[in-house]
C-alpha atoms as a PDB file:
ATOM      1  CA  MET A   1      -0.243   0.135   0.018  1.00  0.00           C
ATOM      2  CA  GLU A   2       2.970   2.514   1.292  1.00  0.00           C
ATOM      3  CA  LYS A   3       4.488   1.663  -2.327  1.00  0.00           C
ATOM      4  CA  ARG A   4       1.531   2.507  -4.314  1.00  0.00           C
ATOM      5  CA  VAL A   5       1.119   5.776  -2.614  1.00  0.00           C
ATOM      6  CA  GLU A   6       4.749   6.624  -3.468  1.00  0.00           C
ATOM      7  CA  ASN A   7       4.387   6.166  -6.891  1.00  0.00           C
ATOM      8  CA  LEU A   8       1.413   7.786  -6.885  1.00  0.00           C
ATOM      9  CA  ILE A   9       2.786  10.761  -5.490  1.00  0.00           C
ATOM     10  CA  TRP A  10       5.855  10.926  -8.031  1.00  0.00           C
ATOM     11  CA  ILE A  11       3.379  10.296 -11.140  1.00  0.00           C
ATOM     12  CA  LEU A  12       1.711  13.844  -9.749  1.00  0.00           C
ATOM     13  CA  VAL A  13       5.019  15.629  -9.339  1.00  0.00           C
ATOM     14  CA  ALA A  14       6.234  14.383 -13.198  1.00  0.00           C
ATOM     15  CA  LEU A  15       2.600  15.551 -14.402  1.00  0.00           C
ATOM     16  CA  VAL A  16       2.647  19.028 -12.222  1.00  0.00           C
ATOM     17  CA  SER A  17       6.476  19.285 -13.310  1.00  0.00           C
ATOM     18  CA  VAL A  18       5.743  18.885 -17.031  1.00  0.00           C
ATOM     19  CA  VAL A  19       2.634  21.092 -17.248  1.00  0.00           C
ATOM     20  CA  ALA A  20       4.801  23.406 -15.586  1.00  0.00           C
ATOM     21  CA  ALA A  21       7.568  23.351 -17.754  1.00  0.00           C
ATOM     22  CA  VAL A  22       5.337  23.208 -21.101  1.00  0.00           C
ATOM     23  CA  ALA A  23       3.366  26.445 -19.628  1.00  0.00           C
ATOM     24  CA  ILE A  24       6.773  28.278 -19.393  1.00  0.00           C
ATOM     25  CA  ILE A  25       8.151  27.268 -22.669  1.00  0.00           C
ATOM     26  CA  ILE A  26       5.048  28.554 -24.039  1.00  0.00           C
ATOM     27  CA  SER A  27       5.064  31.817 -22.223  1.00  0.00           C
ATOM     28  CA  ILE A  28       8.643  32.572 -23.220  1.00  0.00           C
ATOM     29  CA  LEU A  29       7.885  31.568 -26.687  1.00  0.00           C
ATOM     30  CA  PHE A  30       4.687  33.783 -27.084  1.00  0.00           C
ATOM     31  CA  GLY A  31       6.063  36.247 -24.786  1.00  0.00           C
ATOM     32  CA  GLY A  32       3.190  38.922 -25.761  1.00  0.00           C
ATOM     33  CA  ASN A  33       4.856  39.693 -29.094  1.00  0.00           C
ATOM     34  CA  TYR A  34       1.821  38.522 -31.219  1.00  0.00           C
ATOM     35  CA  TYR A  35       2.776  40.429 -34.571  1.00  0.00           C
ATOM     36  CA  ASN A  36       4.340  44.020 -34.362  1.00  0.00           C
ATOM     37  CA  GLY A  37       5.051  44.597 -30.170  1.00  0.00           C
ATOM     38  CA  THR A  38       3.376  43.742 -27.571  1.00  0.00           C
ATOM     39  CA  TYR A  39      -0.410  44.561 -28.488  1.00  0.00           C
ATOM     40  CA  GLY A  40      -0.234  43.819 -31.839  1.00  0.00           C
ATOM     41  CA  PRO A  41      -2.616  45.210 -34.648  1.00  0.00           C
ATOM     42  CA  PHE A  42      -5.390  44.508 -33.040  1.00  0.00           C
ATOM     43  CA  GLY A  43      -5.255  46.675 -29.920  1.00  0.00           C
ATOM     44  CA  MET A  44      -5.143  45.176 -26.115  1.00  0.00           C
ATOM     45  CA  MET A  45      -4.672  41.483 -26.329  1.00  0.00           C
ATOM     46  CA  GLY A  46      -3.443  41.489 -30.020  1.00  0.00           C
ATOM     47  CA  GLY A  47      -6.810  40.023 -31.413  1.00  0.00           C
ATOM     48  CA  PHE A  48      -5.845  36.581 -29.599  1.00  0.00           C
ATOM     49  CA  TYR A  49      -7.907  37.228 -26.749  1.00  0.00           C
ATOM     50  CA  GLY A  50      -4.563  36.420 -24.395  1.00  0.00           C
ATOM     51  CA  MET A  51      -3.192  33.377 -25.161  1.00  0.00           C
ATOM     52  CA  GLY A  52      -5.807  32.028 -27.779  1.00  0.00           C
ATOM     53  CA  ILE A  53      -5.514  28.988 -28.582  1.00  0.00           C
ATOM     54  CA  LEU A  54      -3.488  27.591 -25.426  1.00  0.00           C
ATOM     55  CA  MET A  55      -6.189  28.547 -23.018  1.00  0.00           C
ATOM     56  CA  PRO A  56      -8.595  26.063 -23.919  1.00  0.00           C
ATOM     57  CA  ILE A  57      -5.511  23.386 -24.311  1.00  0.00           C
ATOM     58  CA  ILE A  58      -4.631  23.852 -21.138  1.00  0.00           C
ATOM     59  CA  GLY A  59      -7.947  23.591 -19.563  1.00  0.00           C
ATOM     60  CA  VAL A  60      -8.163  20.489 -21.696  1.00  0.00           C
ATOM     61  CA  ILE A  61      -5.098  19.189 -20.110  1.00  0.00           C
ATOM     62  CA  SER A  62      -6.159  20.239 -16.224  1.00  0.00           C
ATOM     63  CA  VAL A  63      -9.597  18.219 -16.805  1.00  0.00           C
ATOM     64  CA  ILE A  64      -7.274  15.384 -18.140  1.00  0.00           C
ATOM     65  CA  LEU A  65      -5.046  15.939 -14.936  1.00  0.00           C
ATOM     66  CA  ALA A  66      -7.678  16.039 -12.480  1.00  0.00           C
ATOM     67  CA  ILE A  67      -9.429  12.889 -14.053  1.00  0.00           C
ATOM     68  CA  VAL A  68      -6.004  10.898 -13.474  1.00  0.00           C
ATOM     69  CA  PHE A  69      -5.324  12.307 -10.031  1.00  0.00           C
ATOM     70  CA  ILE A  70      -8.977  10.701  -8.592  1.00  0.00           C
ATOM     71  CA  TYR A  71      -8.004   7.735 -10.822  1.00  0.00           C
ATOM     72  CA  PHE A  72      -5.091   7.102  -8.721  1.00  0.00           C
ATOM     73  CA  ILE A  73      -6.142   8.479  -5.659  1.00  0.00           C
ATOM     74  CA  PHE A  74      -9.381   5.608  -5.771  1.00  0.00           C
ATOM     75  CA  GLU A  75      -6.492   2.916  -6.901  1.00  0.00           C
ATOM     76  CA  ALA A  76      -4.142   3.911  -4.000  1.00  0.00           C
ATOM     77  CA  VAL A  77      -6.859   4.013  -1.288  1.00  0.00           C
ATOM     78  CA  GLN A  78      -8.405   0.343  -2.327  1.00  0.00           C
ATOM     79  CA  THR A  79      -6.858  -2.512  -0.820  1.00  0.00           C
ATOM     80  CA  PRO A  80      -6.765  -6.142  -2.354  1.00  0.00           C
ATOM     81  CA  GLU A  81      -9.241  -7.206   0.193  1.00  0.00           C
ATOM     82  CA  SER A  82     -11.739  -4.648  -1.534  1.00  0.00           C
ATOM     83  CA  TYR A  83     -11.231  -6.579  -4.999  1.00  0.00           C
ATOM     84  CA  ARG A  84     -12.447  -9.890  -3.796  1.00  0.00           C
ATOM     85  CA  PRO A  85     -16.323 -11.008  -3.855  1.00  0.00           C
ATOM     86  CA  VAL A  86     -17.435 -10.801  -0.235  1.00  0.00           C
ATOM     87  CA  GLU A  87     -17.669 -14.673   0.831  1.00  0.00           C
ATOM     88  CA  LYS A  88     -19.931 -15.973   3.604  1.00  0.00           C
ATOM     89  CA  ALA A  89     -18.353 -16.858   6.773  1.00  0.00           C
ATOM     90  CA  ALA A  90     -18.696 -20.916   7.356  1.00  0.00           C
ATOM     91  CA  ASN A  91     -20.580 -21.441  10.601  1.00  0.00           C
ATOM     92  CA  ALA A  92     -18.744 -23.019  13.584  1.00  0.00           C
ATOM     93  CA  GLU A  93     -20.473 -26.560  12.631  1.00  0.00           C
ATOM     94  CA  GLU A  94     -19.063 -26.280   8.875  1.00  0.00           C
ATOM     95  CA  ILE A  95     -15.426 -25.590  10.498  1.00  0.00           C
ATOM     96  CA  ALA A  96     -15.563 -28.523  13.145  1.00  0.00           C
ATOM     97  CA  LYS A  97     -16.993 -30.728  10.464  1.00  0.00           C
ATOM     98  CA  GLU A  98     -13.826 -29.599   8.165  1.00  0.00           C
ATOM     99  CA  ARG A  99     -11.440 -30.371  11.319  1.00  0.00           C
ATOM    100  CA  PHE A 100     -13.098 -33.552  11.726  1.00  0.00           C
ATOM    101  CA  ALA A 101     -12.560 -34.899   8.135  1.00  0.00           C
ATOM    102  CA  LYS A 102      -8.909 -33.573   7.998  1.00  0.00           C
ATOM    103  CA  GLY A 103      -8.238 -35.257  11.498  1.00  0.00           C
ATOM    104  CA  GLU A 104      -7.077 -32.179  12.717  1.00  0.00           C
ATOM    105  CA  ILE A 105      -9.535 -32.895  15.997  1.00  0.00           C
ATOM    106  CA  SER A 106     -10.980 -36.718  17.151  1.00  0.00           C
ATOM    107  CA  GLU A 107     -14.558 -37.617  17.374  1.00  0.00           C
ATOM    108  CA  GLU A 108     -14.656 -36.799  21.113  1.00  0.00           C
ATOM    109  CA  GLU A 109     -13.215 -33.375  20.298  1.00  0.00           C
ATOM    110  CA  TYR A 110     -15.590 -33.102  17.699  1.00  0.00           C
ATOM    111  CA  ARG A 111     -18.892 -34.213  19.792  1.00  0.00           C
ATOM    112  CA  GLN A 112     -17.842 -31.430  22.533  1.00  0.00           C
ATOM    113  CA  ILE A 113     -17.616 -28.707  20.090  1.00  0.00           C
ATOM    114  CA  ILE A 114     -20.998 -29.506  18.306  1.00  0.00           C
ATOM    115  CA  GLU A 115     -22.398 -29.612  22.109  1.00  0.00           C
ATOM    116  CA  THR A 116     -20.540 -26.383  23.008  1.00  0.00           C
ATOM    117  CA  ILE A 117     -21.920 -24.687  19.885  1.00  0.00           C
ATOM    118  CA  ARG A 118     -25.822 -26.082  20.335  1.00  0.00           C
ATOM    119  CA  ARG A 119     -26.407 -25.067  23.677  1.00  0.00           C
END
């Protein structure tokens, strides 16, 4: 369980680092100089409304990262026991019968166990 949580943390650190690096590279490449200067030919934002097509892309990446994060959280929280179907617990008489059949207990011990259970 601890190893899965540790792996989850490293995956999330890597994802955040990659997104931050991409955002920094994009901001350096497009540093506000769209056309003929900071404002471009169309006025205040150069006609691209800020980062243009990059904002929807960053939004989609953010949603994907949120989904991946939630998935890994649920995977880290689940234990191996939660994957198995719930089995009916055998009652005490069945356990005593099995132990007697396997030779783990004698007939006297078996009868004592059954008497004790039925009281």
